All heavy atoms as atom14 arrays in JSON, in Angstrom:
{
  "sequence": "FPTVEQMAESELDLVLAGSKESVLMIEGFGNQIPEEQMVE",
  "atom14_mask": [
    [1, 1, 1, 1, 1, 1, 1, 1, 1, 1, 1, 0, 0, 0],
    [1, 1, 1, 1, 1, 1, 1, 0, 0, 0, 0, 0, 0, 0],
    [1, 1, 1, 1, 1, 1, 1, 0, 0, 0, 0, 0, 0, 0],
    [1, 1, 1, 1, 1, 1, 1, 0, 0, 0, 0, 0, 0, 0],
    [1, 1, 1, 1, 1, 1, 1, 1, 1, 0, 0, 0, 0, 0],
    [1, 1, 1, 1, 1, 1, 1, 1, 1, 0, 0, 0, 0, 0],
    [1, 1, 1, 1, 1, 1, 1, 1, 0, 0, 0, 0, 0, 0],
    [1, 1, 1, 1, 1, 0, 0, 0, 0, 0, 0, 0, 0, 0],
    [1, 1, 1, 1, 1, 1, 1, 1, 1, 0, 0, 0, 0, 0],
    [1, 1, 1, 1, 1, 1, 0, 0, 0, 0, 0, 0, 0, 0],
    [1, 1, 1, 1, 1, 1, 1, 1, 1, 0, 0, 0, 0, 0],
    [1, 1, 1, 1, 1, 1, 1, 1, 0, 0, 0, 0, 0, 0],
    [1, 1, 1, 1, 1, 1, 1, 1, 0, 0, 0, 0, 0, 0],
    [1, 1, 1, 1, 1, 1, 1, 1, 0, 0, 0, 0, 0, 0],
    [1, 1, 1, 1, 1, 1, 1, 0, 0, 0, 0, 0, 0, 0],
    [1, 1, 1, 1, 1, 1, 1, 1, 0, 0, 0, 0, 0, 0],
    [1, 1, 1, 1, 1, 0, 0, 0, 0, 0, 0, 0, 0, 0],
    [1, 1, 1, 1, 0, 0, 0, 0, 0, 0, 0, 0, 0, 0],
    [1, 1, 1, 1, 1, 1, 0, 0, 0, 0, 0, 0, 0, 0],
    [1, 1, 1, 1, 1, 1, 1, 1, 1, 0, 0, 0, 0, 0],
    [1, 1, 1, 1, 1, 1, 1, 1, 1, 0, 0, 0, 0, 0],
    [1, 1, 1, 1, 1, 1, 0, 0, 0, 0, 0, 0, 0, 0],
    [1, 1, 1, 1, 1, 1, 1, 0, 0, 0, 0, 0, 0, 0],
    [1, 1, 1, 1, 1, 1, 1, 1, 0, 0, 0, 0, 0, 0],
    [1, 1, 1, 1, 1, 1, 1, 1, 0, 0, 0, 0, 0, 0],
    [1, 1, 1, 1, 1, 1, 1, 1, 0, 0, 0, 0, 0, 0],
    [1, 1, 1, 1, 1, 1, 1, 1, 1, 0, 0, 0, 0, 0],
    [1, 1, 1, 1, 0, 0, 0, 0, 0, 0, 0, 0, 0, 0],
    [1, 1, 1, 1, 1, 1, 1, 1, 1, 1, 1, 0, 0, 0],
    [1, 1, 1, 1, 0, 0, 0, 0, 0, 0, 0, 0, 0, 0],
    [1, 1, 1, 1, 1, 1, 1, 1, 0, 0, 0, 0, 0, 0],
    [1, 1, 1, 1, 1, 1, 1, 1, 1, 0, 0, 0, 0, 0],
    [1, 1, 1, 1, 1, 1, 1, 1, 0, 0, 0, 0, 0, 0],
    [1, 1, 1, 1, 1, 1, 1, 0, 0, 0, 0, 0, 0, 0],
    [1, 1, 1, 1, 1, 1, 1, 1, 1, 0, 0, 0, 0, 0],
    [1, 1, 1, 1, 1, 1, 1, 1, 1, 0, 0, 0, 0, 0],
    [1, 1, 1, 1, 1, 1, 1, 1, 1, 0, 0, 0, 0, 0],
    [1, 1, 1, 1, 1, 1, 1, 1, 0, 0, 0, 0, 0, 0],
    [1, 1, 1, 1, 1, 1, 1, 0, 0, 0, 0, 0, 0, 0],
    [1, 1, 1, 1, 1, 1, 1, 1, 1, 0, 0, 0, 0, 0]
  ],
  "atom14_positions": [
    [[58.97, -9.71, -16.69], [58.45, -10.13, -17.93], [57.42, -9.13, -18.45], [56.21, -9.42, -18.61], [57.76, -11.54, -17.81], [58.77, -12.62, -17.61], [58.82, -13.31, -16.37], [59.67, -12.97, -18.57], [59.75, -14.3, -16.16], [60.64, -13.99, -18.38], [60.63, -14.67, -17.12], [0.0, 0.0, 0.0], [0.0, 0.0, 0.0], [0.0, 0.0, 0.0]],
    [[57.88, -7.94, -18.72], [56.92, -6.88, -19.22], [56.38, -7.25, -20.56], [56.99, -7.96, -21.36], [57.77, -5.61, -19.32], [59.2, -6.15, -19.45], [59.23, -7.41, -18.62], [0.0, 0.0, 0.0], [0.0, 0.0, 0.0], [0.0, 0.0, 0.0], [0.0, 0.0, 0.0], [0.0, 0.0, 0.0], [0.0, 0.0, 0.0], [0.0, 0.0, 0.0]],
    [[55.11, -6.82, -20.81], [54.54, -7.1, -22.16], [55.19, -6.21, -23.2], [55.92, -5.24, -22.9], [53.01, -6.78, -22.1], [52.83, -5.43, -21.8], [52.38, -7.65, -21.01], [0.0, 0.0, 0.0], [0.0, 0.0, 0.0], [0.0, 0.0, 0.0], [0.0, 0.0, 0.0], [0.0, 0.0, 0.0], [0.0, 0.0, 0.0], [0.0, 0.0, 0.0]],
    [[54.86, -6.52, -24.45], [55.4, -5.73, -25.53], [54.93, -4.27, -25.38], [55.66, -3.31, -25.66], [54.9, -6.27, -26.91], [55.33, -5.39, -28.01], [55.52, -7.69, -27.1], [0.0, 0.0, 0.0], [0.0, 0.0, 0.0], [0.0, 0.0, 0.0], [0.0, 0.0, 0.0], [0.0, 0.0, 0.0], [0.0, 0.0, 0.0], [0.0, 0.0, 0.0]],
    [[53.7, -4.04, -24.98], [53.2, -2.67, -24.77], [53.91, -2.02, -23.61], [54.25, -0.81, -23.75], [51.67, -2.82, -24.47], [51.02, -1.4, -24.36], [49.54, -1.5, -24.12], [48.97, -2.64, -24.23], [48.91, -0.49, -23.78], [0.0, 0.0, 0.0], [0.0, 0.0, 0.0], [0.0, 0.0, 0.0], [0.0, 0.0, 0.0], [0.0, 0.0, 0.0]],
    [[54.21, -2.68, -22.51], [54.98, -2.1, -21.44], [56.4, -1.77, -21.83], [56.93, -0.74, -21.4], [54.94, -3.04, -20.2], [53.62, -3.15, -19.54], [53.63, -4.18, -18.46], [54.14, -5.26, -18.61], [53.05, -3.88, -17.29], [0.0, 0.0, 0.0], [0.0, 0.0, 0.0], [0.0, 0.0, 0.0], [0.0, 0.0, 0.0], [0.0, 0.0, 0.0]],
    [[56.98, -2.61, -22.69], [58.35, -2.35, -23.13], [58.51, -1.1, -23.91], [59.51, -0.45, -23.99], [58.89, -3.58, -23.88], [59.36, -4.7, -23.01], [60.53, -4.25, -21.77], [61.81, -3.51, -22.8], [0.0, 0.0, 0.0], [0.0, 0.0, 0.0], [0.0, 0.0, 0.0], [0.0, 0.0, 0.0], [0.0, 0.0, 0.0], [0.0, 0.0, 0.0]],
    [[57.38, -0.72, -24.59], [57.42, 0.54, -25.36], [57.55, 1.77, -24.47], [58.03, 2.81, -24.9], [56.17, 0.65, -26.18], [0.0, 0.0, 0.0], [0.0, 0.0, 0.0], [0.0, 0.0, 0.0], [0.0, 0.0, 0.0], [0.0, 0.0, 0.0], [0.0, 0.0, 0.0], [0.0, 0.0, 0.0], [0.0, 0.0, 0.0], [0.0, 0.0, 0.0]],
    [[57.2, 1.59, -23.16], [57.33, 2.74, -22.21], [58.47, 2.57, -21.23], [58.73, 3.39, -20.4], [55.94, 2.87, -21.5], [54.77, 3.05, -22.36], [53.44, 3.03, -21.52], [53.55, 2.9, -20.3], [52.37, 3.14, -22.16], [0.0, 0.0, 0.0], [0.0, 0.0, 0.0], [0.0, 0.0, 0.0], [0.0, 0.0, 0.0], [0.0, 0.0, 0.0]],
    [[59.12, 1.41, -21.32], [60.09, 1.08, -20.32], [61.4, 1.81, -20.5], [61.86, 2.01, -21.63], [60.36, -0.44, -20.32], [61.34, -0.82, -19.39], [0.0, 0.0, 0.0], [0.0, 0.0, 0.0], [0.0, 0.0, 0.0], [0.0, 0.0, 0.0], [0.0, 0.0, 0.0], [0.0, 0.0, 0.0], [0.0, 0.0, 0.0], [0.0, 0.0, 0.0]],
    [[61.99, 2.22, -19.38], [63.33, 2.9, -19.4], [64.48, 1.82, -19.41], [65.65, 2.24, -19.5], [63.48, 3.78, -18.14], [62.55, 4.96, -18.08], [62.93, 6.01, -19.09], [64.08, 6.49, -19.01], [62.07, 6.43, -19.88], [0.0, 0.0, 0.0], [0.0, 0.0, 0.0], [0.0, 0.0, 0.0], [0.0, 0.0, 0.0], [0.0, 0.0, 0.0]],
    [[64.1, 0.56, -19.29], [65.13, -0.48, -19.15], [64.67, -1.78, -19.88], [63.53, -2.13, -19.81], [65.42, -0.77, -17.69], [66.33, -1.99, -17.32], [67.75, -1.64, -17.69], [66.27, -2.29, -15.81], [0.0, 0.0, 0.0], [0.0, 0.0, 0.0], [0.0, 0.0, 0.0], [0.0, 0.0, 0.0], [0.0, 0.0, 0.0], [0.0, 0.0, 0.0]],
    [[65.57, -2.38, -20.59], [65.35, -3.71, -21.18], [66.47, -4.57, -20.74], [67.56, -4.6, -21.37], [65.26, -3.57, -22.73], [65.04, -4.94, -23.39], [64.74, -5.89, -22.65], [65.07, -5.02, -24.65], [0.0, 0.0, 0.0], [0.0, 0.0, 0.0], [0.0, 0.0, 0.0], [0.0, 0.0, 0.0], [0.0, 0.0, 0.0], [0.0, 0.0, 0.0]],
    [[66.28, -5.38, -19.62], [67.32, -6.13, -19.03], [66.94, -7.64, -19.12], [65.91, -8.05, -18.64], [67.49, -5.7, -17.59], [68.45, -6.55, -16.75], [69.9, -6.42, -17.31], [68.47, -6.14, -15.26], [0.0, 0.0, 0.0], [0.0, 0.0, 0.0], [0.0, 0.0, 0.0], [0.0, 0.0, 0.0], [0.0, 0.0, 0.0], [0.0, 0.0, 0.0]],
    [[67.83, -8.37, -19.8], [67.68, -9.84, -19.84], [68.82, -10.43, -19.06], [70.01, -10.12, -19.28], [67.66, -10.32, -21.3], [67.63, -11.9, -21.32], [66.49, -9.82, -22.04], [0.0, 0.0, 0.0], [0.0, 0.0, 0.0], [0.0, 0.0, 0.0], [0.0, 0.0, 0.0], [0.0, 0.0, 0.0], [0.0, 0.0, 0.0], [0.0, 0.0, 0.0]],
    [[68.5, -11.29, -18.09], [69.55, -12.03, -17.34], [69.25, -13.46, -17.2], [68.06, -13.89, -17.22], [69.78, -11.38, -15.99], [68.68, -11.52, -14.95], [69.3, -11.53, -13.5], [67.75, -10.3, -15.03], [0.0, 0.0, 0.0], [0.0, 0.0, 0.0], [0.0, 0.0, 0.0], [0.0, 0.0, 0.0], [0.0, 0.0, 0.0], [0.0, 0.0, 0.0]],
    [[70.33, -14.27, -17.12], [70.15, -15.71, -16.94], [71.01, -16.12, -15.75], [72.07, -15.54, -15.48], [70.6, -16.46, -18.19], [0.0, 0.0, 0.0], [0.0, 0.0, 0.0], [0.0, 0.0, 0.0], [0.0, 0.0, 0.0], [0.0, 0.0, 0.0], [0.0, 0.0, 0.0], [0.0, 0.0, 0.0], [0.0, 0.0, 0.0], [0.0, 0.0, 0.0]],
    [[70.57, -17.17, -15.08], [71.36, -17.64, -13.96], [70.8, -18.91, -13.38], [69.78, -19.41, -13.74], [0.0, 0.0, 0.0], [0.0, 0.0, 0.0], [0.0, 0.0, 0.0], [0.0, 0.0, 0.0], [0.0, 0.0, 0.0], [0.0, 0.0, 0.0], [0.0, 0.0, 0.0], [0.0, 0.0, 0.0], [0.0, 0.0, 0.0], [0.0, 0.0, 0.0]],
    [[71.53, -19.4, -12.37], [71.14, -20.6, -11.64], [70.46, -20.17, -10.37], [70.29, -18.95, -10.07], [72.35, -21.46, -11.35], [73.25, -20.76, -10.51], [0.0, 0.0, 0.0], [0.0, 0.0, 0.0], [0.0, 0.0, 0.0], [0.0, 0.0, 0.0], [0.0, 0.0, 0.0], [0.0, 0.0, 0.0], [0.0, 0.0, 0.0], [0.0, 0.0, 0.0]],
    [[70.16, -21.09, -9.5], [69.57, -20.74, -8.22], [70.56, -20.0, -7.32], [70.13, -19.27, -6.47], [69.08, -22.03, -7.47], [67.83, -22.59, -8.09], [67.3, -23.77, -7.42], [68.11, -25.06, -7.73], [67.48, -26.26, -7.23], [0.0, 0.0, 0.0], [0.0, 0.0, 0.0], [0.0, 0.0, 0.0], [0.0, 0.0, 0.0], [0.0, 0.0, 0.0]],
    [[71.85, -20.16, -7.54], [72.84, -19.53, -6.69], [73.45, -18.28, -7.22], [73.86, -17.41, -6.48], [74.03, -20.52, -6.48], [73.65, -21.72, -5.67], [72.9, -22.84, -6.52], [73.12, -22.77, -7.77], [72.15, -23.67, -5.98], [0.0, 0.0, 0.0], [0.0, 0.0, 0.0], [0.0, 0.0, 0.0], [0.0, 0.0, 0.0], [0.0, 0.0, 0.0]],
    [[73.5, -18.11, -8.55], [74.28, -16.97, -9.09], [73.85, -16.51, -10.49], [72.98, -17.21, -11.11], [75.79, -17.34, -9.18], [75.95, -18.5, -9.96], [0.0, 0.0, 0.0], [0.0, 0.0, 0.0], [0.0, 0.0, 0.0], [0.0, 0.0, 0.0], [0.0, 0.0, 0.0], [0.0, 0.0, 0.0], [0.0, 0.0, 0.0], [0.0, 0.0, 0.0]],
    [[74.36, -15.4, -10.92], [74.05, -14.87, -12.25], [75.14, -15.37, -13.24], [76.29, -15.34, -12.96], [74.07, -13.36, -12.2], [73.85, -12.75, -13.59], [72.91, -12.83, -11.27], [0.0, 0.0, 0.0], [0.0, 0.0, 0.0], [0.0, 0.0, 0.0], [0.0, 0.0, 0.0], [0.0, 0.0, 0.0], [0.0, 0.0, 0.0], [0.0, 0.0, 0.0]],
    [[74.64, -15.79, -14.44], [75.5, -16.38, -15.47], [75.67, -15.4, -16.71], [76.72, -15.42, -17.36], [74.89, -17.67, -15.96], [75.46, -18.91, -15.27], [74.49, -20.06, -15.52], [76.86, -19.26, -15.76], [0.0, 0.0, 0.0], [0.0, 0.0, 0.0], [0.0, 0.0, 0.0], [0.0, 0.0, 0.0], [0.0, 0.0, 0.0], [0.0, 0.0, 0.0]],
    [[74.63, -14.69, -17.02], [74.67, -13.87, -18.25], [73.77, -12.64, -18.02], [72.76, -12.74, -17.4], [74.16, -14.68, -19.4], [74.35, -14.01, -20.79], [72.99, -12.86, -21.21], [71.49, -13.88, -21.16], [0.0, 0.0, 0.0], [0.0, 0.0, 0.0], [0.0, 0.0, 0.0], [0.0, 0.0, 0.0], [0.0, 0.0, 0.0], [0.0, 0.0, 0.0]],
    [[74.25, -11.52, -18.56], [73.46, -10.28, -18.54], [73.52, -9.61, -19.88], [74.59, -9.55, -20.52], [73.97, -9.27, -17.43], [74.01, -9.89, -16.04], [73.18, -7.99, -17.48], [74.76, -9.07, -15.0], [0.0, 0.0, 0.0], [0.0, 0.0, 0.0], [0.0, 0.0, 0.0], [0.0, 0.0, 0.0], [0.0, 0.0, 0.0], [0.0, 0.0, 0.0]],
    [[72.39, -9.12, -20.32], [72.38, -8.26, -21.52], [71.3, -7.26, -21.28], [70.04, -7.59, -21.23], [72.15, -9.01, -22.8], [72.14, -8.1, -24.01], [72.79, -8.7, -25.27], [73.62, -9.6, -25.12], [72.38, -8.28, -26.33], [0.0, 0.0, 0.0], [0.0, 0.0, 0.0], [0.0, 0.0, 0.0], [0.0, 0.0, 0.0], [0.0, 0.0, 0.0]],
    [[71.64, -5.98, -21.13], [70.62, -4.98, -20.84], [70.95, -3.62, -21.43], [72.1, -3.31, -21.68], [0.0, 0.0, 0.0], [0.0, 0.0, 0.0], [0.0, 0.0, 0.0], [0.0, 0.0, 0.0], [0.0, 0.0, 0.0], [0.0, 0.0, 0.0], [0.0, 0.0, 0.0], [0.0, 0.0, 0.0], [0.0, 0.0, 0.0], [0.0, 0.0, 0.0]],
    [[69.89, -2.87, -21.65], [70.04, -1.52, -22.26], [69.06, -0.6, -21.5], [67.9, -0.99, -21.31], [69.77, -1.58, -23.72], [70.64, -2.58, -24.46], [70.15, -3.85, -24.71], [71.95, -2.2, -24.87], [71.0, -4.76, -25.36], [72.75, -3.13, -25.47], [72.24, -4.43, -25.76], [0.0, 0.0, 0.0], [0.0, 0.0, 0.0], [0.0, 0.0, 0.0]],
    [[69.46, 0.58, -21.24], [68.63, 1.48, -20.51], [68.93, 2.93, -20.8], [69.96, 3.27, -21.4], [0.0, 0.0, 0.0], [0.0, 0.0, 0.0], [0.0, 0.0, 0.0], [0.0, 0.0, 0.0], [0.0, 0.0, 0.0], [0.0, 0.0, 0.0], [0.0, 0.0, 0.0], [0.0, 0.0, 0.0], [0.0, 0.0, 0.0], [0.0, 0.0, 0.0]],
    [[68.06, 3.8, -20.27], [68.18, 5.21, -20.47], [69.03, 5.83, -19.3], [68.52, 6.38, -18.38], [66.83, 5.94, -20.55], [66.9, 7.41, -20.92], [67.95, 7.84, -21.38], [65.82, 8.04, -20.8], [0.0, 0.0, 0.0], [0.0, 0.0, 0.0], [0.0, 0.0, 0.0], [0.0, 0.0, 0.0], [0.0, 0.0, 0.0], [0.0, 0.0, 0.0]],
    [[70.35, 5.57, -19.38], [71.3, 6.06, -18.38], [70.89, 5.71, -17.0], [70.56, 6.55, -16.15], [71.45, 7.58, -18.51], [71.86, 8.01, -19.98], [71.97, 9.5, -20.15], [72.97, 10.07, -19.72], [70.99, 10.12, -20.72], [0.0, 0.0, 0.0], [0.0, 0.0, 0.0], [0.0, 0.0, 0.0], [0.0, 0.0, 0.0], [0.0, 0.0, 0.0]],
    [[70.87, 4.39, -16.73], [70.43, 3.86, -15.47], [71.57, 3.9, -14.44], [72.68, 3.35, -14.72], [69.98, 2.37, -15.64], [68.85, 2.25, -16.69], [69.47, 1.79, -14.33], [67.61, 3.03, -16.38], [0.0, 0.0, 0.0], [0.0, 0.0, 0.0], [0.0, 0.0, 0.0], [0.0, 0.0, 0.0], [0.0, 0.0, 0.0], [0.0, 0.0, 0.0]],
    [[71.42, 4.46, -13.27], [72.46, 4.49, -12.24], [72.88, 3.05, -11.86], [72.05, 2.16, -11.91], [71.85, 5.23, -11.1], [70.72, 6.02, -11.64], [70.21, 5.23, -12.83], [0.0, 0.0, 0.0], [0.0, 0.0, 0.0], [0.0, 0.0, 0.0], [0.0, 0.0, 0.0], [0.0, 0.0, 0.0], [0.0, 0.0, 0.0], [0.0, 0.0, 0.0]],
    [[74.12, 2.91, -11.47], [74.66, 1.55, -11.17], [73.9, 0.87, -10.01], [73.6, -0.32, -10.09], [76.12, 1.64, -10.79], [77.11, 1.72, -11.92], [77.12, 3.05, -12.64], [76.5, 3.99, -12.17], [77.81, 3.14, -13.68], [0.0, 0.0, 0.0], [0.0, 0.0, 0.0], [0.0, 0.0, 0.0], [0.0, 0.0, 0.0], [0.0, 0.0, 0.0]],
    [[73.53, 1.6, -9.01], [72.81, 1.03, -7.88], [71.48, 0.5, -8.32], [71.05, -0.6, -7.94], [72.62, 2.09, -6.76], [71.91, 1.55, -5.54], [72.65, 0.4, -4.85], [73.94, 0.42, -4.88], [72.01, -0.48, -4.28], [0.0, 0.0, 0.0], [0.0, 0.0, 0.0], [0.0, 0.0, 0.0], [0.0, 0.0, 0.0], [0.0, 0.0, 0.0]],
    [[70.78, 1.24, -9.19], [69.47, 0.79, -9.68], [69.59, -0.4, -10.59], [68.73, -1.31, -10.59], [68.82, 1.95, -10.43], [67.31, 1.7, -10.75], [66.62, 2.89, -11.36], [67.28, 3.75, -12.07], [65.37, 3.09, -11.1], [0.0, 0.0, 0.0], [0.0, 0.0, 0.0], [0.0, 0.0, 0.0], [0.0, 0.0, 0.0], [0.0, 0.0, 0.0]],
    [[70.68, -0.47, -11.33], [70.96, -1.65, -12.16], [71.13, -2.92, -11.35], [70.63, -4.02, -11.65], [72.2, -1.43, -13.09], [72.46, -2.52, -14.07], [71.14, -2.78, -15.34], [71.57, -1.39, -16.46], [0.0, 0.0, 0.0], [0.0, 0.0, 0.0], [0.0, 0.0, 0.0], [0.0, 0.0, 0.0], [0.0, 0.0, 0.0], [0.0, 0.0, 0.0]],
    [[71.88, -2.77, -10.27], [72.1, -3.93, -9.36], [70.77, -4.37, -8.79], [70.47, -5.58, -8.67], [73.12, -3.58, -8.23], [73.2, -4.74, -7.22], [74.48, -3.28, -8.84], [0.0, 0.0, 0.0], [0.0, 0.0, 0.0], [0.0, 0.0, 0.0], [0.0, 0.0, 0.0], [0.0, 0.0, 0.0], [0.0, 0.0, 0.0], [0.0, 0.0, 0.0]],
    [[69.92, -3.42, -8.39], [68.63, -3.75, -7.81], [67.74, -4.54, -8.85], [67.05, -5.47, -8.51], [67.88, -2.49, -7.39], [68.51, -1.81, -6.17], [67.81, -0.46, -5.87], [66.84, -0.1, -6.55], [68.3, 0.24, -4.96], [0.0, 0.0, 0.0], [0.0, 0.0, 0.0], [0.0, 0.0, 0.0], [0.0, 0.0, 0.0], [0.0, 0.0, 0.0]]
  ]
}
């Protein structure tokens, strides 16, 4: 939950939704983020 000020410097803007068991929705944008880092 980065602040608006932190988002201005962030290399990634990732929003995800899910339950306690799994991921349901992803929407993210980044500056050429490697796949492994995206999973993390």
